[in-house]
N, C-alpha and C. Protein backbone atom coordinates (compact mmCIF):
# COMPACT_ATOMS: atom_id res chain seq x y z
N UNK A 1 0.74 -1.51 -0.14
CA UNK A 1 0.02 -0.39 0.00
C UNK A 1 0.84 1.28 0.29
N UNK A 2 0.64 2.15 -1.11
CA UNK A 2 1.18 3.38 -0.97
C UNK A 2 0.85 4.19 0.63
N UNK A 3 2.73 4.92 1.46
CA UNK A 3 1.91 5.46 1.80
C UNK A 3 1.13 6.86 1.98
N UNK A 4 0.31 7.18 3.18
CA UNK A 4 -0.60 8.06 3.09
C UNK A 4 -0.52 8.99 4.19
N UNK A 5 -0.90 10.10 3.96
CA UNK A 5 -0.74 11.44 5.21
C UNK A 5 -0.94 10.52 6.54
N UNK A 6 0.10 11.13 7.16
CA UNK A 6 0.10 10.88 8.61
C UNK A 6 -0.70 12.02 9.15
N UNK A 7 -1.87 11.26 9.49
CA UNK A 7 -3.13 12.16 10.05
C UNK A 7 -3.04 12.45 11.30
N UNK A 8 -1.76 11.59 12.29
CA UNK A 8 -1.97 11.63 13.82
C UNK A 8 -0.18 12.98 13.86
N UNK A 9 0.01 13.70 12.75
CA UNK A 9 1.33 14.38 12.65
C UNK A 9 0.35 15.56 12.37
N UNK A 10 -0.05 15.50 10.89
CA UNK A 10 -0.98 16.75 10.35
C UNK A 10 -2.19 17.29 11.00
N UNK A 11 -2.68 16.25 11.00
CA UNK A 11 -4.19 16.64 11.66
C UNK A 11 -4.83 16.70 12.95
N UNK A 12 -4.10 17.04 13.95
CA UNK A 12 -3.97 17.89 14.97
C UNK A 12 -5.35 18.69 15.27
N UNK A 13 -5.43 19.47 14.51
CA UNK A 13 -6.55 20.55 14.79
C UNK A 13 -7.95 19.56 14.52
N UNK A 14 -7.82 18.90 13.46
CA UNK A 14 -8.76 18.26 12.87
C UNK A 14 -9.44 17.12 13.89
N UNK A 15 -8.68 16.44 14.33
CA UNK A 15 -8.53 15.76 15.55
C UNK A 15 -8.89 15.85 16.90
N UNK A 16 -8.70 17.14 17.60
CA UNK A 16 -8.75 17.74 18.67
C UNK A 16 -10.23 16.76 19.15
N UNK A 17 -11.62 17.55 18.27
CA UNK A 17 -12.78 17.24 18.98
C UNK A 17 -12.97 15.99 18.93
N UNK A 18 -12.49 14.61 18.23
CA UNK A 18 -12.78 13.44 18.52
C UNK A 18 -11.92 13.38 19.54
N UNK A 19 -10.47 13.42 19.94
CA UNK A 19 -10.44 13.23 21.29
C UNK A 19 -10.95 14.09 22.70
N UNK A 20 -11.28 15.16 22.12
CA UNK A 20 -12.17 15.62 23.48
C UNK A 20 -13.46 14.29 23.75
N UNK A 21 -14.00 14.33 22.52
CA UNK A 21 -15.40 13.59 22.63
C UNK A 21 -14.66 11.65 23.90
N UNK A 22 -13.44 11.45 23.52
CA UNK A 22 -12.89 10.26 23.66
C UNK A 22 -13.12 10.57 25.52
N UNK A 23 -12.42 11.82 26.01
CA UNK A 23 -12.02 12.48 27.08
C UNK A 23 -13.51 12.63 28.00
N UNK A 24 -14.35 13.16 27.33
CA UNK A 24 -15.65 13.30 27.79
C UNK A 24 -16.13 11.48 28.13
N UNK A 25 -16.20 10.42 27.09
CA UNK A 25 -16.71 9.16 27.45
C UNK A 25 -16.02 8.75 28.71
N UNK A 26 -14.49 9.14 28.86
CA UNK A 26 -14.20 8.51 29.80
C UNK A 26 -14.47 8.93 30.80
N UNK A 27 -15.54 9.53 31.05
CA UNK A 27 -15.87 10.20 32.68
C UNK A 27 -17.56 9.99 32.20
N UNK A 28 -18.07 9.42 31.39
CA UNK A 28 -19.73 9.10 31.17
C UNK A 28 -20.27 8.26 32.26
N UNK A 29 -21.31 8.20 31.52
CA UNK A 29 -22.15 7.31 32.60
C UNK A 29 -22.14 6.05 32.28
N UNK A 30 -21.36 5.82 31.05
CA UNK A 30 -21.12 4.16 30.42
C UNK A 30 -19.74 3.89 31.00
N UNK A 31 -20.08 2.37 31.59
CA UNK A 31 -18.63 1.74 32.02
C UNK A 31 -17.77 1.71 30.88
N UNK A 32 -16.59 1.97 31.34
CA UNK A 32 -15.39 1.74 30.45
C UNK A 32 -15.04 0.40 29.43
N UNK A 33 -15.60 -0.87 30.74
CA UNK A 33 -15.48 -2.01 29.97
C UNK A 33 -16.51 -2.19 28.70
N UNK A 34 -17.87 -1.37 28.78
CA UNK A 34 -18.85 -1.88 28.09
C UNK A 34 -18.35 -0.71 26.97
N UNK A 35 -18.00 0.22 27.22
CA UNK A 35 -17.49 0.63 26.08
C UNK A 35 -16.31 0.44 24.98
N UNK A 36 -15.42 -0.79 26.01
CA UNK A 36 -14.28 -1.51 25.25
C UNK A 36 -14.66 -2.32 24.18
N UNK A 37 -15.69 -3.07 24.74
CA UNK A 37 -17.04 -4.32 24.13
C UNK A 37 -17.07 -3.55 22.85
N UNK A 38 -18.08 -2.43 23.09
CA UNK A 38 -18.91 -1.51 21.66
C UNK A 38 -17.27 -1.42 20.57
N UNK A 39 -16.61 -0.82 21.45
CA UNK A 39 -15.31 -0.57 20.46
C UNK A 39 -14.67 -1.58 19.31
N UNK A 40 -14.79 -2.44 20.39
CA UNK A 40 -14.24 -3.93 19.74
C UNK A 40 -15.25 -4.41 18.39
N UNK A 41 -16.63 -4.71 18.76
CA UNK A 41 -17.00 -4.94 17.99
C UNK A 41 -17.71 -4.01 16.34
N UNK A 42 -17.60 -2.64 16.93
CA UNK A 42 -17.76 -1.35 15.55
C UNK A 42 -16.64 -1.93 14.98
N UNK A 43 -14.97 -1.95 15.57
CA UNK A 43 -14.49 -2.06 14.71
C UNK A 43 -13.96 -3.84 13.79
N UNK A 44 -14.98 -4.90 14.82
CA UNK A 44 -14.91 -5.49 13.70
C UNK A 44 -15.81 -5.79 12.19
N UNK A 45 -16.91 -4.74 12.78
CA UNK A 45 -17.66 -4.70 12.11
C UNK A 45 -17.27 -4.09 10.78
N UNK A 46 -16.58 -2.95 11.07
CA UNK A 46 -15.66 -2.18 10.10
C UNK A 46 -14.60 -2.41 9.39
N UNK A 47 -13.88 -3.38 10.07
CA UNK A 47 -12.67 -3.95 9.48
C UNK A 47 -11.50 -3.64 9.51
N UNK A 48 -11.78 -2.66 10.98
CA UNK A 48 -10.52 -1.76 11.02
C UNK A 48 -9.53 -2.37 11.74
N UNK A 49 -8.18 -2.89 11.28
CA UNK A 49 -7.34 -3.81 11.95
C UNK A 49 -6.30 -2.92 12.64
N UNK A 50 -6.09 -1.88 12.58
CA UNK A 50 -5.67 -0.99 13.54
C UNK A 50 -6.58 -0.40 15.13
N UNK A 51 -8.01 -0.12 14.71
CA UNK A 51 -8.74 -0.39 15.82
C UNK A 51 -8.87 -1.75 16.80
N UNK A 52 -9.00 -2.89 16.28
CA UNK A 52 -9.07 -3.96 16.72
C UNK A 52 -7.83 -4.17 17.40
N UNK A 53 -6.80 -4.06 16.85
CA UNK A 53 -5.08 -4.32 17.47
C UNK A 53 -5.69 -3.54 18.83
N UNK A 54 -5.81 -2.39 18.98
CA UNK A 54 -5.60 -1.42 19.66
C UNK A 54 -7.00 -1.52 20.55
N UNK A 55 -8.12 -1.61 20.87
CA UNK A 55 -9.30 -1.99 21.70
C UNK A 55 -8.83 -3.19 22.28
N UNK A 56 -8.41 -4.27 21.46
CA UNK A 56 -8.13 -5.74 22.00
C UNK A 56 -7.21 -5.74 23.35
N UNK A 57 -6.27 -4.69 23.24
CA UNK A 57 -5.56 -4.38 24.02
C UNK A 57 -5.64 -4.15 25.37
N UNK A 58 -6.48 -2.40 24.83
CA UNK A 58 -6.99 -1.93 25.89
C UNK A 58 -8.04 -2.67 26.65
N UNK A 59 -8.66 -3.16 26.01
CA UNK A 59 -9.53 -4.44 26.61
C UNK A 59 -9.39 -5.28 28.05
N UNK A 60 -8.57 -5.86 27.13
CA UNK A 60 -7.49 -6.50 28.03
C UNK A 60 -6.44 -5.91 29.46
N UNK A 61 -6.20 -5.13 28.82
CA UNK A 61 -5.49 -4.17 30.23
C UNK A 61 -6.47 -3.82 30.71
N UNK A 62 -7.89 -3.70 31.03
CA UNK A 62 -8.96 -3.61 31.74
C UNK A 62 -9.54 -4.56 32.54
N UNK A 63 -9.25 -5.58 31.80
CA UNK A 63 -9.51 -7.07 32.79
C UNK A 63 -10.56 -7.77 31.54
N UNK A 64 -10.72 -7.28 30.78
CA UNK A 64 -11.59 -8.44 29.94
C UNK A 64 -11.11 -9.67 29.47
N UNK A 65 -11.96 -10.53 28.90
CA UNK A 65 -11.56 -11.95 28.88
C UNK A 65 -11.06 -12.41 27.39
N UNK A 66 -9.88 -13.07 27.32
CA UNK A 66 -10.08 -13.18 25.66
C UNK A 66 -11.16 -14.30 25.29
N UNK A 67 -11.82 -15.40 26.05
CA UNK A 67 -13.37 -15.62 25.26
C UNK A 67 -13.79 -15.18 24.99
N UNK A 68 -14.10 -13.48 25.89
CA UNK A 68 -15.48 -12.66 25.06
C UNK A 68 -15.29 -12.22 24.40
N UNK A 69 -13.66 -11.51 24.11
CA UNK A 69 -13.31 -10.76 23.11
C UNK A 69 -13.52 -11.61 21.90
N UNK A 70 -12.89 -12.94 21.97
CA UNK A 70 -12.86 -14.27 20.72
C UNK A 70 -14.72 -14.37 20.53
N UNK A 71 -15.43 -14.27 21.33
CA UNK A 71 -16.72 -14.46 21.31
C UNK A 71 -17.25 -13.23 20.70
N UNK A 72 -17.13 -12.54 20.51
CA UNK A 72 -17.81 -11.30 19.99
C UNK A 72 -19.01 -11.16 18.97
N UNK A 73 -17.96 -11.58 17.98
CA UNK A 73 -18.48 -11.63 16.84
C UNK A 73 -19.89 -12.32 16.37
N UNK A 74 -19.91 -13.53 17.74
CA UNK A 74 -21.31 -14.47 17.57
C UNK A 74 -21.75 -14.36 18.79
N UNK A 75 -22.00 -12.63 19.30
CA UNK A 75 -22.55 -12.37 20.75
C UNK A 75 -23.90 -13.04 21.28
N UNK A 76 -24.89 -13.22 19.72
CA UNK A 76 -25.95 -13.58 20.19
C UNK A 76 -25.88 -15.39 20.70
N UNK A 77 -24.86 -15.76 20.19
CA UNK A 77 -24.77 -17.36 19.94
C UNK A 77 -23.91 -17.88 21.14
N UNK A 78 -23.46 -16.38 22.73
CA UNK A 78 -22.71 -17.15 23.62
C UNK A 78 -23.52 -16.49 24.59
N UNK A 79 -22.98 -17.59 25.62
CA UNK A 79 -23.43 -16.93 26.99
C UNK A 79 -22.74 -16.20 27.82
N UNK A 80 -21.72 -15.56 27.35
CA UNK A 80 -20.41 -14.29 28.12
C UNK A 80 -21.10 -13.27 28.61
N UNK A 81 -22.22 -12.87 27.56
CA UNK A 81 -22.37 -11.41 27.87
C UNK A 81 -23.53 -11.24 28.89
N UNK A 82 -23.67 -9.93 29.44
CA UNK A 82 -25.09 -9.71 30.20
C UNK A 82 -26.30 -9.01 29.25
N UNK A 83 -27.36 -9.14 29.60
CA UNK A 83 -28.31 -8.62 28.97
C UNK A 83 -28.38 -6.87 28.47
N UNK A 84 -27.51 -6.58 29.45
CA UNK A 84 -27.18 -5.07 29.36
C UNK A 84 -26.02 -5.06 28.73
N UNK A 85 -24.86 -5.75 28.49
CA UNK A 85 -23.87 -5.70 27.20
C UNK A 85 -25.04 -5.97 25.62
N UNK A 86 -25.83 -7.18 25.78
CA UNK A 86 -26.58 -7.63 24.65
C UNK A 86 -27.35 -6.41 23.96
N UNK A 87 -28.00 -5.67 24.99
CA UNK A 87 -28.55 -4.79 24.57
C UNK A 87 -27.59 -3.62 23.51
N UNK A 88 -26.40 -3.23 24.34
CA UNK A 88 -25.75 -1.95 23.86
C UNK A 88 -25.03 -3.11 22.43
N UNK A 89 -24.71 -3.87 22.16
CA UNK A 89 -24.46 -4.53 20.97
C UNK A 89 -25.03 -4.44 20.05
N UNK A 90 -26.27 -4.97 20.44
CA UNK A 90 -27.44 -4.62 19.39
C UNK A 90 -27.99 -3.17 18.83
N UNK A 91 -27.35 -2.09 19.66
CA UNK A 91 -27.85 -1.18 19.16
C UNK A 91 -26.77 -0.06 18.65
N UNK A 92 -25.22 -0.70 18.89
CA UNK A 92 -23.91 -0.62 18.01
C UNK A 92 -24.08 -1.12 16.64
N UNK A 93 -24.43 -2.48 16.51
CA UNK A 93 -24.87 -2.72 15.34
C UNK A 93 -25.67 -1.98 14.28
N UNK A 94 -26.97 -1.81 15.21
CA UNK A 94 -27.84 -1.00 14.75
C UNK A 94 -27.18 0.35 14.02
N UNK A 95 -27.24 1.04 15.02
CA UNK A 95 -26.37 2.28 14.91
C UNK A 95 -24.85 2.30 13.54
N UNK A 96 -24.56 1.43 14.00
CA UNK A 96 -23.47 1.19 12.97
C UNK A 96 -23.75 0.77 11.27
N UNK A 97 -25.08 0.12 11.40
CA UNK A 97 -25.53 0.09 9.94
C UNK A 97 -26.44 0.98 9.26
N UNK A 98 -26.67 2.23 10.31
CA UNK A 98 -27.32 3.25 10.17
C UNK A 98 -29.14 2.81 9.50
N UNK A 99 -29.26 1.67 10.28
CA UNK A 99 -30.87 1.47 10.46
C UNK A 99 -31.28 1.43 11.91
N UNK A 100 -31.87 1.87 12.80
CA UNK A 100 -32.18 1.78 13.92
C UNK A 100 -33.34 1.49 14.31
N UNK A 101 -34.43 0.22 14.15
CA UNK A 101 -35.34 -0.15 13.86
C UNK A 101 -36.11 0.19 15.26
N UNK A 102 -37.69 0.21 15.57
CA UNK A 102 -38.01 0.39 16.99
C UNK A 102 -37.86 -1.05 17.38
N UNK A 103 -37.73 -1.84 17.53
CA UNK A 103 -37.62 -3.18 18.33
C UNK A 103 -36.29 -3.13 18.82
N UNK A 104 -34.95 -2.58 18.27
CA UNK A 104 -33.33 -2.25 18.74
C UNK A 104 -33.79 -1.10 20.23
N UNK A 105 -34.54 -0.38 19.76
CA UNK A 105 -34.76 0.92 20.69
C UNK A 105 -35.24 0.50 21.77
N UNK A 106 -36.53 -0.18 21.75
CA UNK A 106 -37.14 -0.71 22.77
C UNK A 106 -36.75 -1.46 23.90
N UNK A 107 -35.38 -2.39 22.87
CA UNK A 107 -34.74 -3.14 23.61
C UNK A 107 -33.54 -2.33 24.62
N UNK A 108 -32.76 -1.81 24.03
CA UNK A 108 -31.96 -0.71 24.32
C UNK A 108 -32.49 0.00 25.78
N UNK A 109 -33.31 0.70 25.46
CA UNK A 109 -33.90 1.72 26.54
C UNK A 109 -34.47 0.70 27.96
N UNK A 110 -34.81 -0.42 27.94
CA UNK A 110 -35.09 -1.12 29.32
C UNK A 110 -33.43 -1.15 29.98
N UNK A 111 -32.84 -1.16 29.39
CA UNK A 111 -31.46 -1.32 30.37
C UNK A 111 -30.83 0.15 30.45
N UNK A 112 -30.67 1.03 29.55
CA UNK A 112 -30.14 2.21 29.69
C UNK A 112 -31.35 3.66 30.29
N UNK A 113 -30.33 4.51 30.95
CA UNK A 113 -30.82 5.94 31.13
C UNK A 113 -31.16 6.81 29.80
N UNK A 114 -32.22 7.23 29.48
CA UNK A 114 -31.82 8.23 28.41
C UNK A 114 -30.41 8.80 28.33
N UNK A 115 -29.77 9.73 29.31
CA UNK A 115 -28.18 10.05 29.35
C UNK A 115 -27.30 8.95 28.62
N UNK A 116 -27.16 8.07 29.52
CA UNK A 116 -26.70 6.40 29.18
C UNK A 116 -26.83 6.29 27.63
N UNK A 117 -27.44 6.36 26.74
CA UNK A 117 -28.29 5.89 25.79
C UNK A 117 -27.66 6.72 25.04
N UNK A 118 -27.67 8.57 25.05
CA UNK A 118 -26.93 9.50 24.35
C UNK A 118 -25.23 8.92 24.28
N UNK A 119 -25.14 8.80 25.51
CA UNK A 119 -23.47 8.69 26.22
C UNK A 119 -23.15 7.08 25.09
N UNK A 120 -23.98 6.20 25.16
CA UNK A 120 -23.62 5.18 24.21
C UNK A 120 -23.47 5.44 23.01
N UNK A 121 -24.64 6.15 21.89
CA UNK A 121 -24.65 6.62 21.43
C UNK A 121 -23.37 7.34 20.48
N UNK A 122 -22.97 8.12 21.69
CA UNK A 122 -21.75 9.15 21.27
C UNK A 122 -20.67 8.08 21.09
N UNK A 123 -20.51 7.17 21.97
CA UNK A 123 -19.39 6.12 21.72
C UNK A 123 -19.40 5.12 20.34
N UNK A 124 -20.51 4.97 20.18
CA UNK A 124 -20.42 4.37 18.97
C UNK A 124 -20.20 5.15 17.98
N UNK A 125 -20.90 6.39 17.66
CA UNK A 125 -20.60 7.04 16.68
C UNK A 125 -19.39 7.81 16.43
N UNK A 126 -18.51 7.75 17.68
CA UNK A 126 -17.25 8.19 17.59
C UNK A 126 -15.93 6.93 17.06
N UNK A 127 -16.23 5.96 17.59
CA UNK A 127 -15.65 4.69 17.13
C UNK A 127 -15.37 4.86 15.70
N UNK A 128 -16.84 4.72 15.33
CA UNK A 128 -17.53 4.50 13.78
C UNK A 128 -16.11 5.98 13.10
N UNK A 129 -16.30 6.41 13.44
CA UNK A 129 -15.51 7.92 13.34
C UNK A 129 -14.25 7.68 13.34
N UNK A 130 -13.45 7.22 14.51
CA UNK A 130 -12.47 6.72 14.17
C UNK A 130 -11.62 5.59 12.89
N UNK A 131 -12.77 4.61 13.14
CA UNK A 131 -12.17 3.53 11.94
C UNK A 131 -12.69 3.99 10.72
N UNK A 132 -13.33 5.01 10.59
CA UNK A 132 -12.98 5.41 8.91
C UNK A 132 -12.26 6.30 8.36
N UNK A 133 -11.17 6.83 9.73
CA UNK A 133 -10.33 7.71 9.85
C UNK A 133 -9.15 6.58 9.82
N UNK A 134 -9.22 5.64 10.00
CA UNK A 134 -7.84 4.73 10.43
C UNK A 134 -8.03 4.00 8.88
N UNK A 135 -9.16 3.86 8.31
CA UNK A 135 -8.91 2.72 7.28
C UNK A 135 -8.60 3.92 6.53
N UNK A 136 -8.82 5.09 6.29
CA UNK A 136 -8.63 6.21 5.08
C UNK A 136 -6.87 6.45 5.17
N UNK A 137 -6.16 6.59 6.46
CA UNK A 137 -5.19 6.97 6.56
C UNK A 137 -4.60 6.11 7.37
N UNK A 138 -4.09 4.98 7.22
CA UNK A 138 -3.95 3.62 7.85
C UNK A 138 -2.65 3.87 8.54
N UNK A 139 -1.97 3.51 9.86
CA UNK A 139 -1.41 3.17 10.58
C UNK A 139 -0.76 1.66 10.80
N UNK A 140 0.66 2.20 11.33
CA UNK A 140 0.99 0.18 11.72
C UNK A 140 0.57 -0.61 12.17
N UNK A 141 -0.32 -1.28 12.07
CA UNK A 141 -0.96 -2.54 12.87
C UNK A 141 -0.25 -3.52 13.54
N UNK A 142 -0.32 -3.50 14.25
CA UNK A 142 0.22 -4.31 15.91
C UNK A 142 1.16 -3.24 16.85
N UNK A 143 1.05 -2.05 16.34
CA UNK A 143 2.32 -0.84 16.75
C UNK A 143 1.75 0.20 18.07
N UNK A 144 0.17 -0.06 18.30
CA UNK A 144 -0.32 0.67 19.73
C UNK A 144 0.06 0.01 20.71
N UNK A 145 0.75 0.40 21.56
CA UNK A 145 0.26 0.19 23.26
C UNK A 145 -0.55 0.64 24.61
N UNK A 146 -0.73 0.14 24.87
CA UNK A 146 -2.04 0.28 26.25
C UNK A 146 -1.72 1.52 26.23
N UNK A 147 -2.66 2.54 26.49
CA UNK A 147 -2.53 3.72 27.17
C UNK A 147 -2.00 4.56 26.23
N UNK A 148 -1.33 4.81 24.85
CA UNK A 148 -0.88 5.37 23.73
C UNK A 148 -1.52 6.68 23.99
N UNK A 149 -2.74 6.68 24.11
CA UNK A 149 -3.26 8.10 23.22
C UNK A 149 -4.10 8.32 24.49
N UNK A 150 -3.30 8.25 25.67
CA UNK A 150 -3.98 8.99 27.17
C UNK A 150 -5.39 8.42 27.50
C-alpha cells in the first residue's frame, strides 16, 4: 500500500474534537469495559485492523477476557454477555448499519437511562469515525501500546 498522510502528525486540529469526545466518554455514565466491548465490536464490523489491535489491548488491560473478545462476533450465540451488554451490542450494530428499528430501541431503553443511551450512541458514532479515519489513513497495525493516546 502506498504511504498516506500521517493524520496524527498533520491533522491535530481536525482530531482535537474527537480526542475531546474520548475524554468526555471516559467520564461518562457508561462503564469503560462496556465501551471497550462496543469499540471492539464496531471495529470488527468496519474491519479496522488498527482499531481491533488497539481495542483488544485496551480491553485486556481493563480485565476483559480473551474468551469474551473471541466470541464477540457471535455474541448472540454465546452465554458470556449480560443482558445490558447484549442490548448495547445490538444498538451498536444498528447504529453502525445506519438502521435503528424500534425493536432495537425498545430493547436498549430497558437497560439504559436516556443520558446513558445518548452517551452510548456518542461512543458508537465516535468509534465509527475513528474506524473510518484509520481505514483512510492507515497506521502500522500492531504498534499500538496500552494507554498510548492517554
